[in-house]
């Protein structure tokens, strides 16, 4: 079954936050160390727009699989063609190949959002995500050594990037 992508509405924010919060305990995906609230994500939600920085809900038939967003890379006009991609998948659907399909969709539609370059910020110990991005032609563009501390363990951040066109 093909995935369906739709613009997220404010009514989707509780599901977005729930999926995001489900990744925190693993210390593999986000630098947040405690659950976030829907209210705390409102400003982030409003930073997205359907024309250049989408926040998309991902469904398989009628089942919510996860969400994907493109965000400004650095917030300066010269970087407008570059976007940071985030992909979060509901825990019931992880490890089933959906991440690959979502990343492929992002690459195929990036030009619609005036994006020619995608970057992903991935913890260096998150081997599954690093492998996913590498399998789609992303290269390691940077390594921020021991930049995060979670549970008294220093963690490095890998920057994966791909020029699309």
Protein backbone atom coordinates (compact mmCIF):
# COMPACT_ATOMS: atom_id res chain seq x y z
CA UNK A 1 0.00 0.00 0.00
CA UNK A 2 1.27 3.46 -0.91
CA UNK A 3 1.84 6.11 1.70
CA UNK A 4 -0.28 9.25 1.77
CA UNK A 5 1.18 12.60 2.80
CA UNK A 6 -0.98 15.48 4.00
CA UNK A 7 -0.32 18.87 5.54
CA UNK A 8 -0.52 18.70 9.32
CA UNK A 9 -3.22 20.73 11.00
CA UNK A 10 -3.27 21.97 14.55
CA UNK A 11 -5.52 19.01 15.40
CA UNK A 12 -2.60 16.70 14.49
CA UNK A 13 -0.27 18.26 17.06
CA UNK A 14 -1.18 15.82 19.89
CA UNK A 15 -0.26 12.86 17.63
CA UNK A 16 2.93 14.60 16.49
CA UNK A 17 3.96 15.20 20.09
CA UNK A 18 3.04 11.66 21.18
CA UNK A 19 5.18 10.13 18.43
CA UNK A 20 8.03 12.52 19.23
CA UNK A 21 7.82 11.79 22.96
CA UNK A 22 7.92 8.04 22.29
CA UNK A 23 11.50 8.47 21.00
CA UNK A 24 12.93 10.32 24.01
CA UNK A 25 13.59 7.35 26.30
CA UNK A 26 15.83 5.61 23.75
CA UNK A 27 18.32 8.53 23.76
CA UNK A 28 18.87 7.74 20.06
CA UNK A 29 16.75 10.31 18.24
CA UNK A 30 16.36 13.60 20.09
CA UNK A 31 18.34 15.63 22.58
CA UNK A 32 15.19 16.24 24.63
CA UNK A 33 15.51 14.24 27.82
CA UNK A 34 11.93 14.63 29.11
CA UNK A 35 8.57 14.58 27.34
CA UNK A 36 7.46 17.82 25.70
CA UNK A 37 3.94 19.24 25.78
CA UNK A 38 1.66 20.14 22.91
CA UNK A 39 1.76 23.75 24.10
CA UNK A 40 5.56 23.81 24.00
CA UNK A 41 5.49 22.76 20.31
CA UNK A 42 3.03 25.42 19.11
CA UNK A 43 5.67 27.93 18.00
CA UNK A 44 7.56 25.13 16.20
CA UNK A 45 4.32 24.04 14.52
CA UNK A 46 3.67 27.59 13.26
CA UNK A 47 7.19 27.85 11.79
CA UNK A 48 6.09 25.38 9.12
CA UNK A 49 4.19 26.31 5.99
CA UNK A 50 2.89 24.25 3.10
CA UNK A 51 4.80 26.25 0.47
CA UNK A 52 8.41 26.02 1.66
CA UNK A 53 8.68 24.24 5.03
CA UNK A 54 6.00 21.56 5.26
CA UNK A 55 4.98 19.51 8.25
CA UNK A 56 3.40 16.38 6.80
CA UNK A 57 1.39 13.61 8.35
CA UNK A 58 2.12 10.18 6.88
CA UNK A 59 -0.60 7.53 6.61
CA UNK A 60 -0.79 4.05 5.16
CA UNK A 61 -4.43 3.65 4.18
CA UNK A 62 -6.14 4.89 7.38
CA UNK A 63 -3.29 4.19 9.80
CA UNK A 64 -1.04 6.97 11.08
CA UNK A 65 2.56 5.96 10.37
CA UNK A 66 4.34 9.11 11.48
CA UNK A 67 5.30 12.59 10.38
CA UNK A 68 7.97 14.44 8.44
CA UNK A 69 9.06 18.04 8.51
CA UNK A 70 11.36 20.37 6.65
CA UNK A 71 12.76 23.24 8.68
CA UNK A 72 15.06 26.16 8.02
CA UNK A 73 18.66 25.07 8.21
CA UNK A 74 20.22 28.18 9.63
CA UNK A 75 17.69 30.99 9.38
CA UNK A 76 19.64 33.21 6.98
CA UNK A 77 18.42 34.02 3.44
CA UNK A 78 21.47 32.51 1.72
CA UNK A 79 20.46 29.11 3.13
CA UNK A 80 16.84 29.17 1.91
CA UNK A 81 17.49 26.30 -0.52
CA UNK A 82 18.68 24.04 2.29
CA UNK A 83 16.32 22.38 4.74
CA UNK A 84 16.75 20.15 7.76
CA UNK A 85 14.64 17.02 7.47
CA UNK A 86 13.08 15.27 10.44
CA UNK A 87 11.28 11.94 10.23
CA UNK A 88 9.45 10.43 13.20
CA UNK A 89 7.63 7.11 12.98
CA UNK A 90 5.06 5.73 15.41
CA UNK A 91 6.70 3.00 17.49
CA UNK A 92 4.28 0.34 16.16
CA UNK A 93 5.57 0.97 12.64
CA UNK A 94 9.33 1.31 13.14
CA UNK A 95 11.67 -1.08 11.36
CA UNK A 96 9.24 -1.78 8.52
CA UNK A 97 10.81 0.32 5.77
CA UNK A 98 8.59 3.37 6.19
CA UNK A 99 11.54 5.66 6.92
CA UNK A 100 13.00 4.87 3.50
CA UNK A 101 9.70 5.62 1.75
CA UNK A 102 9.29 8.90 3.64
CA UNK A 103 12.86 9.99 2.89
CA UNK A 104 12.38 9.12 -0.79
CA UNK A 105 9.18 11.20 -0.84
CA UNK A 106 11.04 14.14 0.69
CA UNK A 107 13.78 13.95 -1.92
CA UNK A 108 11.27 13.58 -4.79
CA UNK A 109 9.21 16.59 -3.70
CA UNK A 110 11.92 18.90 -2.36
CA UNK A 111 11.92 21.07 -5.48
CA UNK A 112 8.24 21.86 -4.82
CA UNK A 113 9.42 23.61 -1.64
CA UNK A 114 12.37 25.40 -3.31
CA UNK A 115 14.77 23.02 -1.52
CA UNK A 116 17.85 21.77 -3.37
CA UNK A 117 19.76 20.41 -0.37
CA UNK A 118 18.63 18.29 2.56
CA UNK A 119 20.51 17.85 5.81
CA UNK A 120 19.81 15.49 8.66
CA UNK A 121 21.17 15.84 12.18
CA UNK A 122 21.59 12.32 13.54
CA UNK A 123 23.24 11.09 16.71
CA UNK A 124 26.41 9.19 15.81
CA UNK A 125 25.22 6.18 17.82
CA UNK A 126 21.92 6.02 15.88
CA UNK A 127 23.16 3.42 13.42
CA UNK A 128 19.74 2.62 11.87
CA UNK A 129 19.12 6.26 10.89
CA UNK A 130 22.68 6.74 9.62
CA UNK A 131 22.30 3.62 7.47
CA UNK A 132 18.93 4.83 6.17
CA UNK A 133 20.30 8.17 5.05
CA UNK A 134 23.46 6.63 3.57
CA UNK A 135 21.33 4.14 1.61
CA UNK A 136 19.64 7.10 -0.08
CA UNK A 137 22.88 8.76 -1.12
CA UNK A 138 23.41 11.09 1.83
CA UNK A 139 27.02 11.64 2.85
CA UNK A 140 28.54 12.59 6.17
CA UNK A 141 29.16 16.32 5.97
CA UNK A 142 30.09 16.88 9.58
CA UNK A 143 30.67 15.37 12.99
CA UNK A 144 30.12 17.44 16.12
CA UNK A 145 32.07 15.38 18.62
CA UNK A 146 30.59 14.91 22.11
CA UNK A 147 28.25 17.86 21.69
CA UNK A 148 25.38 16.43 23.76
CA UNK A 149 25.28 14.95 27.25
CA UNK A 150 22.45 12.58 28.08
CA UNK A 151 22.39 10.52 31.25
CA UNK A 152 26.00 11.61 31.88
CA UNK A 153 27.11 10.15 28.53
CA UNK A 154 28.61 12.40 25.88
CA UNK A 155 27.11 11.90 22.43
CA UNK A 156 28.28 13.07 19.03
CA UNK A 157 26.07 14.45 16.28
CA UNK A 158 26.56 13.49 12.65
CA UNK A 159 25.41 15.83 9.90
CA UNK A 160 24.26 13.93 6.82
CA UNK A 161 23.66 15.90 3.64
CA UNK A 162 22.63 15.51 0.04
CA UNK A 163 22.47 17.96 -2.84
CA UNK A 164 19.35 16.98 -4.80
CA UNK A 165 19.66 19.10 -7.93
